[in-house]
């Protein structure tokens, strides 16, 4: 009889659609992969299942524990996304009172115990970090000189991130990060892996638009983190010089509307501070749009020489963004658009990334068998 397909459970969050795209590609490779998001994801992403849909607090916890039993019974591998687990994490707040405080005590008591239970049951454990699930003020300060860092990151939360990283370091068979800077926060065995949420076979390249005024699109989830103020100032500076440029800030819209804005763009600006490009940049490059983002030089040493040579993202920081946009507006952007599409086809192919995950899953299952 043929071997049964590995059963992979992606939980408990869908951030940027990565787990959805990865699971789809894993199924193409013959794995039995499903994505269960505990809460309905924002921006219209559609996992295979939403666990807590419209449920109240007590019902949520019943469903949570029932789901853990399901994972222990059915899964061969549990792939945790956004550094989160099945059981709740302890996130205390100065505003905690009454029932919230009781829930905090409960979360503190059970935090991370699902990892130990899964290990005892012989399940493979894989975790992928995606951003602020691992990033802390300490490492960001080494890259960014900004007053908002201390407001954005709570030292208590950073300590708890570090604690959860340590839990995964002990329990996980494989650890991945979608951003190279996160490797500063993770164990030495952690690996960088590209975003898998865009399948170039499903997304066609779209010719650059024939806009009378070139359109620069920026889609910040948080203006401070993305360096939005510097971009706005740069656009004002260019217009004061007489440049014809239209800056469009796209915020809080469904994913389909964000994609429409990207297609209408001549240039997409991702972020100017943290040092890598995000999921929006991959979507922009897939349709053939030049992308601007800050690339932190030490991070480039963490990717292969071939990927680094092919990287079409134009580097910019707050002091340089005006000059970078000025140059892009004055040159033929078609070669950059072509290179951007080719880069996604080569380096963000979900099937290639799924093959890497399949190796990790098979290795995890093999380790669980030898440890029994």
Protein backbone atom coordinates (compact mmCIF):
# COMPACT_ATOMS: atom_id res chain seq x y z
CA UNK A 1 0.00 0.00 0.00
CA UNK A 2 1.25 3.54 -0.69
CA UNK A 3 2.37 5.53 2.33
CA UNK A 4 -0.28 7.80 3.82
CA UNK A 5 0.22 11.51 3.11
CA UNK A 6 1.70 13.49 5.96
CA UNK A 7 -1.02 15.40 7.80
CA UNK A 8 0.12 18.98 8.40
CA UNK A 9 -1.88 21.39 10.53
CA UNK A 10 -1.09 25.11 10.07
CA UNK A 11 -2.18 27.11 13.13
CA UNK A 12 -3.22 29.40 14.78
CA UNK A 13 -2.90 32.63 12.75
CA UNK A 14 -2.93 33.79 9.14
CA UNK A 15 -0.64 36.78 8.72
CA UNK A 16 -0.26 38.11 5.20
CA UNK A 17 -1.67 34.92 3.70
CA UNK A 18 1.66 33.05 3.97
CA UNK A 19 0.26 29.90 5.59
CA UNK A 20 -2.60 29.74 3.07
CA UNK A 21 -0.30 29.93 0.06
CA UNK A 22 2.13 27.47 1.58
CA UNK A 23 -0.55 24.91 2.46
CA UNK A 24 -1.99 25.13 -1.05
CA UNK A 25 1.43 24.34 -2.52
CA UNK A 26 1.98 21.55 0.02
CA UNK A 27 -1.25 19.92 -1.10
CA UNK A 28 0.03 20.03 -4.70
CA UNK A 29 3.05 18.06 -3.48
CA UNK A 30 0.78 15.43 -1.97
CA UNK A 31 0.74 16.55 1.67
CA UNK A 32 -2.52 16.65 3.61
CA UNK A 33 -2.17 20.29 4.73
CA UNK A 34 -4.91 22.50 6.12
CA UNK A 35 -4.90 25.98 7.65
CA UNK A 36 -6.93 26.68 10.78
CA UNK A 37 -6.99 30.30 11.90
CA UNK A 38 -8.32 30.80 15.39
CA UNK A 39 -9.76 34.22 14.53
CA UNK A 40 -11.09 35.47 11.21
CA UNK A 41 -8.08 37.01 9.43
CA UNK A 42 -8.20 40.65 8.37
CA UNK A 43 -8.09 41.86 4.75
CA UNK A 44 -10.20 39.00 3.39
CA UNK A 45 -7.76 36.09 3.64
CA UNK A 46 -9.61 32.76 3.64
CA UNK A 47 -8.16 29.85 5.68
CA UNK A 48 -9.67 26.39 5.49
CA UNK A 49 -11.29 26.84 8.87
CA UNK A 50 -11.90 29.59 11.45
CA UNK A 51 -12.03 28.09 14.92
CA UNK A 52 -13.44 30.90 17.04
CA UNK A 53 -15.96 32.41 14.64
CA UNK A 54 -18.46 34.47 16.68
CA UNK A 55 -17.85 32.47 19.86
CA UNK A 56 -17.84 33.88 23.38
CA UNK A 57 -14.93 33.62 25.81
CA UNK A 58 -15.88 30.35 27.52
CA UNK A 59 -16.86 28.72 24.23
CA UNK A 60 -13.54 29.84 22.73
CA UNK A 61 -11.61 28.03 25.43
CA UNK A 62 -13.68 24.87 25.07
CA UNK A 63 -13.02 24.94 21.33
CA UNK A 64 -9.34 25.60 21.97
CA UNK A 65 -8.87 22.52 24.14
CA UNK A 66 -11.01 20.40 21.81
CA UNK A 67 -8.80 21.53 18.95
CA UNK A 68 -5.66 20.58 20.88
CA UNK A 69 -7.07 17.08 21.30
CA UNK A 70 -7.76 17.04 17.56
CA UNK A 71 -4.15 18.02 16.82
CA UNK A 72 -2.87 15.32 19.16
CA UNK A 73 -5.10 12.76 17.47
CA UNK A 74 -4.94 13.70 13.78
CA UNK A 75 -1.80 15.66 12.90
CA UNK A 76 1.63 14.33 12.04
CA UNK A 77 3.12 17.83 12.03
CA UNK A 78 1.85 21.04 13.58
CA UNK A 79 3.20 24.12 11.85
CA UNK A 80 2.84 27.15 14.11
CA UNK A 81 2.67 30.55 12.43
CA UNK A 82 3.48 33.99 13.80
CA UNK A 83 5.30 32.44 16.75
CA UNK A 84 1.98 31.53 18.38
CA UNK A 85 0.73 28.31 19.90
CA UNK A 86 -2.63 26.59 20.38
CA UNK A 87 -2.95 27.41 24.06
CA UNK A 88 -3.13 31.09 25.00
CA UNK A 89 -0.10 33.24 25.72
CA UNK A 90 0.18 35.42 28.78
CA UNK A 91 0.05 39.10 27.77
CA UNK A 92 -0.52 41.12 30.96
CA UNK A 93 -1.72 44.70 30.79
CA UNK A 94 -1.83 47.56 33.27
CA UNK A 95 -5.54 47.70 32.42
CA UNK A 96 -6.21 44.11 33.46
CA UNK A 97 -8.98 43.82 36.02
CA UNK A 98 -11.62 41.32 37.04
CA UNK A 99 -12.24 38.69 34.40
CA UNK A 100 -9.27 39.85 32.31
CA UNK A 101 -6.97 39.29 35.26
CA UNK A 102 -8.41 35.83 35.83
CA UNK A 103 -7.88 35.00 32.16
CA UNK A 104 -4.29 36.23 32.47
CA UNK A 105 -3.71 33.87 35.38
CA UNK A 106 -5.17 31.01 33.35
CA UNK A 107 -3.04 31.87 30.31
CA UNK A 108 0.09 32.08 32.43
CA UNK A 109 -0.66 28.64 33.86
CA UNK A 110 -1.16 26.87 30.50
CA UNK A 111 1.14 28.86 28.20
CA UNK A 112 3.33 26.58 26.11
CA UNK A 113 2.01 23.35 27.59
CA UNK A 114 0.62 22.32 24.22
CA UNK A 115 4.18 22.17 22.86
CA UNK A 116 5.18 19.67 25.52
CA UNK A 117 2.01 17.63 24.93
CA UNK A 118 2.63 17.50 21.18
CA UNK A 119 6.23 16.40 21.72
CA UNK A 120 5.13 13.64 24.09
CA UNK A 121 2.61 12.49 21.49
CA UNK A 122 5.35 12.21 18.88
CA UNK A 123 4.20 15.09 16.69
CA UNK A 124 6.54 17.08 14.51
CA UNK A 125 6.69 20.76 15.47
CA UNK A 126 7.64 23.54 13.06
CA UNK A 127 7.35 27.28 13.68
CA UNK A 128 7.56 30.26 11.33
CA UNK A 129 8.19 33.78 12.63
CA UNK A 130 6.90 36.68 10.59
CA UNK A 131 7.75 39.98 12.29
CA UNK A 132 6.68 41.41 15.61
CA UNK A 133 6.18 37.92 16.97
CA UNK A 134 9.96 37.90 17.46
CA UNK A 135 11.23 41.42 16.79
CA UNK A 136 12.01 43.47 19.91
CA UNK A 137 13.08 47.00 20.68
CA UNK A 138 16.62 45.83 21.41
CA UNK A 139 17.34 44.54 17.92
CA UNK A 140 15.37 47.23 16.13
CA UNK A 141 17.35 49.99 17.86
CA UNK A 142 20.48 48.55 16.25
CA UNK A 143 18.91 49.36 12.87
CA UNK A 144 16.63 52.33 13.44
CA UNK A 145 17.20 55.54 15.37
CA UNK A 146 13.63 56.51 16.18
CA UNK A 147 11.82 57.79 19.26
CA UNK A 148 8.71 55.71 18.54
CA UNK A 149 10.45 52.40 19.24
CA UNK A 150 10.04 52.71 22.99
CA UNK A 151 6.33 53.47 22.55
CA UNK A 152 5.78 50.72 20.00
CA UNK A 153 7.51 47.94 21.98
CA UNK A 154 6.64 47.25 25.60
CA UNK A 155 9.63 45.81 27.52
CA UNK A 156 7.33 43.30 29.24
CA UNK A 157 6.03 42.08 25.88
CA UNK A 158 9.59 41.81 24.58
CA UNK A 159 10.54 39.63 27.54
CA UNK A 160 7.55 37.40 26.84
CA UNK A 161 8.47 37.16 23.17
CA UNK A 162 11.92 36.02 24.25
CA UNK A 163 10.38 33.47 26.59
CA UNK A 164 8.21 32.03 23.82
CA UNK A 165 11.20 31.92 21.46
CA UNK A 166 13.00 29.90 24.13
CA UNK A 167 10.03 27.52 24.40
CA UNK A 168 10.06 26.92 20.66
CA UNK A 169 13.84 26.54 20.71
CA UNK A 170 13.36 23.59 23.05
CA UNK A 171 10.29 22.08 21.40
CA UNK A 172 10.44 22.77 17.66
CA UNK A 173 12.15 20.46 15.21
CA UNK A 174 12.58 23.31 12.70
CA UNK A 175 12.40 27.10 13.02
CA UNK A 176 11.94 29.52 10.13
CA UNK A 177 11.77 33.31 9.67
CA UNK A 178 10.26 35.26 6.78
CA UNK A 179 12.48 38.29 7.48
CA UNK A 180 16.26 37.99 7.83
CA UNK A 181 16.43 40.45 10.73
CA UNK A 182 14.39 38.05 12.88
CA UNK A 183 17.34 35.67 12.90
CA UNK A 184 18.93 38.09 15.40
CA UNK A 185 16.22 37.02 17.85
CA UNK A 186 16.08 33.30 17.08
CA UNK A 187 18.29 30.28 17.76
CA UNK A 188 21.29 29.79 15.48
CA UNK A 189 19.60 26.85 13.76
CA UNK A 190 16.71 29.03 12.53
CA UNK A 191 16.53 29.48 8.76
CA UNK A 192 15.34 32.26 6.50
CA UNK A 193 12.58 31.26 4.07
CA UNK A 194 10.82 33.52 1.52
CA UNK A 195 7.15 34.44 1.52
CA UNK A 196 4.94 31.84 -0.15
CA UNK A 197 1.62 33.69 -0.32
CA UNK A 198 1.90 34.71 -4.00
CA UNK A 199 1.76 32.03 -6.68
CA UNK A 200 3.09 33.51 -9.94
CA UNK A 201 1.21 30.81 -11.86
CA UNK A 202 -2.03 32.36 -10.58
CA UNK A 203 -0.97 36.01 -10.89
CA UNK A 204 -0.31 37.48 -14.30
CA UNK A 205 2.12 40.28 -14.98
CA UNK A 206 0.27 43.48 -15.83
CA UNK A 207 1.87 46.12 -18.11
CA UNK A 208 2.96 49.29 -16.39
CA UNK A 209 0.08 51.81 -16.41
CA UNK A 210 -0.05 54.77 -18.71
CA UNK A 211 -0.62 57.32 -15.97
CA UNK A 212 -0.40 60.97 -16.93
CA UNK A 213 1.10 61.62 -13.52
CA UNK A 214 3.25 58.72 -12.23
CA UNK A 215 1.57 57.07 -9.25
CA UNK A 216 3.55 56.03 -6.16
CA UNK A 217 1.58 53.65 -3.93
CA UNK A 218 2.37 53.00 -0.28
CA UNK A 219 0.36 50.58 1.89
CA UNK A 220 1.43 51.09 5.53
CA UNK A 221 0.06 48.92 8.31
CA UNK A 222 1.71 51.33 10.78
CA UNK A 223 3.06 54.64 9.51
CA UNK A 224 5.81 54.85 12.11
CA UNK A 225 7.20 51.40 11.29
CA UNK A 226 7.07 51.95 7.54
CA UNK A 227 8.65 55.42 7.51
CA UNK A 228 5.57 56.96 5.92
CA UNK A 229 6.25 60.50 7.09
CA UNK A 230 9.56 60.54 5.24
CA UNK A 231 7.85 59.33 2.07
CA UNK A 232 5.18 62.03 2.31
CA UNK A 233 7.87 64.67 2.81
CA UNK A 234 9.81 63.34 -0.18
CA UNK A 235 6.73 63.52 -2.41
CA UNK A 236 6.11 67.10 -1.28
CA UNK A 237 9.75 67.95 -2.05
CA UNK A 238 9.52 66.49 -5.55
CA UNK A 239 6.28 68.30 -6.31
CA UNK A 240 7.83 71.55 -5.10
CA UNK A 241 10.56 70.97 -7.69
CA UNK A 242 7.91 70.64 -10.38
CA UNK A 243 7.81 66.83 -10.60
CA UNK A 244 4.53 65.28 -11.67
CA UNK A 245 3.92 62.60 -9.06
CA UNK A 246 0.83 61.31 -7.28
CA UNK A 247 1.41 59.67 -3.87
CA UNK A 248 -1.42 57.36 -2.77
CA UNK A 249 -1.52 56.02 0.79
CA UNK A 250 -3.64 52.86 0.95
CA UNK A 251 -4.58 51.83 4.48
CA UNK A 252 -7.02 49.44 6.13
CA UNK A 253 -8.61 48.17 2.92
CA UNK A 254 -9.49 44.57 1.95
CA UNK A 255 -6.77 42.61 0.22
CA UNK A 256 -8.51 42.78 -3.16
CA UNK A 257 -8.59 46.59 -3.00
CA UNK A 258 -4.91 46.69 -2.06
CA UNK A 259 -4.13 44.58 -5.14
CA UNK A 260 -6.08 47.00 -7.35
CA UNK A 261 -4.06 49.90 -5.96
CA UNK A 262 -0.82 48.04 -6.68
CA UNK A 263 -1.84 47.36 -10.28
CA UNK A 264 -2.56 51.09 -10.75
CA UNK A 265 0.90 52.04 -9.45
CA UNK A 266 4.01 52.99 -11.36
CA UNK A 267 6.14 52.48 -8.23
CA UNK A 268 5.35 50.75 -4.92
CA UNK A 269 7.14 51.86 -1.75
CA UNK A 270 7.16 49.25 1.00
CA UNK A 271 9.14 50.31 4.11
CA UNK A 272 12.09 52.61 4.71
CA UNK A 273 13.31 51.53 8.15
CA UNK A 274 13.39 47.91 9.26
CA UNK A 275 15.56 46.45 6.53
CA UNK A 276 13.67 43.97 4.34
CA UNK A 277 10.69 43.84 2.03
CA UNK A 278 7.30 42.48 3.03
CA UNK A 279 4.43 40.58 1.53
CA UNK A 280 3.07 43.66 -0.25
CA UNK A 281 6.36 44.00 -2.12
CA UNK A 282 6.10 40.40 -3.35
CA UNK A 283 2.58 41.07 -4.65
CA UNK A 284 3.80 44.21 -6.38
CA UNK A 285 6.76 42.48 -8.01
CA UNK A 286 4.53 39.61 -9.13
CA UNK A 287 2.47 41.96 -11.31
CA UNK A 288 5.61 43.71 -12.52
CA UNK A 289 5.87 46.80 -10.36
CA UNK A 290 9.17 48.35 -9.27
CA UNK A 291 9.49 48.21 -5.50
CA UNK A 292 11.37 50.51 -3.13
CA UNK A 293 12.31 49.35 0.37
CA UNK A 294 15.20 49.66 2.77
CA UNK A 295 17.58 46.69 2.57
CA UNK A 296 19.76 46.35 5.64
CA UNK A 297 23.21 45.43 4.30
CA UNK A 298 24.09 42.76 6.93
CA UNK A 299 20.83 40.95 6.16
CA UNK A 300 21.89 40.46 2.55
CA UNK A 301 24.64 38.16 3.81
CA UNK A 302 21.92 35.84 5.12
CA UNK A 303 20.51 35.03 1.70
CA UNK A 304 22.21 33.15 -1.11
CA UNK A 305 24.53 34.93 -3.49
CA UNK A 306 22.21 34.04 -6.34
CA UNK A 307 19.18 35.57 -4.65
CA UNK A 308 21.13 38.66 -3.70
CA UNK A 309 22.31 39.13 -7.29
CA UNK A 310 18.75 38.86 -8.60
CA UNK A 311 17.15 41.12 -5.96
CA UNK A 312 15.45 43.98 -7.84
CA UNK A 313 14.20 45.96 -4.82
CA UNK A 314 15.56 49.52 -4.87
CA UNK A 315 17.11 50.43 -1.53
CA UNK A 316 15.99 53.65 0.16
CA UNK A 317 15.96 55.16 3.64
CA UNK A 318 14.27 58.33 4.93
CA UNK A 319 17.29 60.52 3.98
CA UNK A 320 17.52 59.01 0.47
CA UNK A 321 13.91 58.36 -0.55
CA UNK A 322 13.49 61.69 -2.39
CA UNK A 323 16.60 61.06 -4.50
CA UNK A 324 15.57 57.45 -5.18
CA UNK A 325 12.11 58.46 -6.35
CA UNK A 326 13.54 61.30 -8.43
CA UNK A 327 15.80 58.83 -10.22
CA UNK A 328 13.02 56.30 -10.80
CA UNK A 329 10.68 58.93 -12.14
CA UNK A 330 13.29 60.08 -14.64
CA UNK A 331 14.32 56.64 -15.98
CA UNK A 332 12.73 53.79 -17.93
CA UNK A 333 11.16 51.51 -15.34
CA UNK A 334 10.37 48.66 -17.72
CA UNK A 335 13.64 46.71 -17.11
CA UNK A 336 13.05 46.90 -13.36
CA UNK A 337 9.46 45.71 -13.80
CA UNK A 338 10.67 42.74 -15.83
CA UNK A 339 13.35 41.86 -13.28
CA UNK A 340 10.79 42.11 -10.46
CA UNK A 341 8.47 39.58 -12.06
CA UNK A 342 11.35 37.20 -12.79
CA UNK A 343 12.54 37.47 -9.18
CA UNK A 344 9.17 36.39 -7.80
CA UNK A 345 8.99 33.49 -10.23
CA UNK A 346 12.40 32.26 -9.07
CA UNK A 347 12.57 33.10 -5.38
CA UNK A 348 8.96 33.16 -4.22
CA UNK A 349 7.69 30.06 -6.00
CA UNK A 350 5.38 28.41 -3.42
CA UNK A 351 6.15 24.93 -4.74
CA UNK A 352 9.88 25.39 -4.17
CA UNK A 353 9.23 26.71 -0.68
CA UNK A 354 6.77 23.87 0.00
CA UNK A 355 9.44 21.36 -1.02
CA UNK A 356 11.72 22.88 1.63
CA UNK A 357 8.90 22.57 4.18
CA UNK A 358 8.22 18.98 3.16
CA UNK A 359 11.86 18.15 3.89
CA UNK A 360 11.50 19.82 7.28
CA UNK A 361 8.30 17.92 8.06
CA UNK A 362 9.79 14.58 7.05
CA UNK A 363 12.87 15.35 9.12
CA UNK A 364 10.71 16.26 12.11
CA UNK A 365 8.70 13.04 11.85
CA UNK A 366 11.90 11.01 11.55
CA UNK A 367 13.26 12.67 14.70
CA UNK A 368 10.12 11.86 16.64
CA UNK A 369 10.42 8.21 15.67
CA UNK A 370 14.07 7.90 16.68
CA UNK A 371 13.41 9.62 20.02
CA UNK A 372 10.80 7.08 21.10
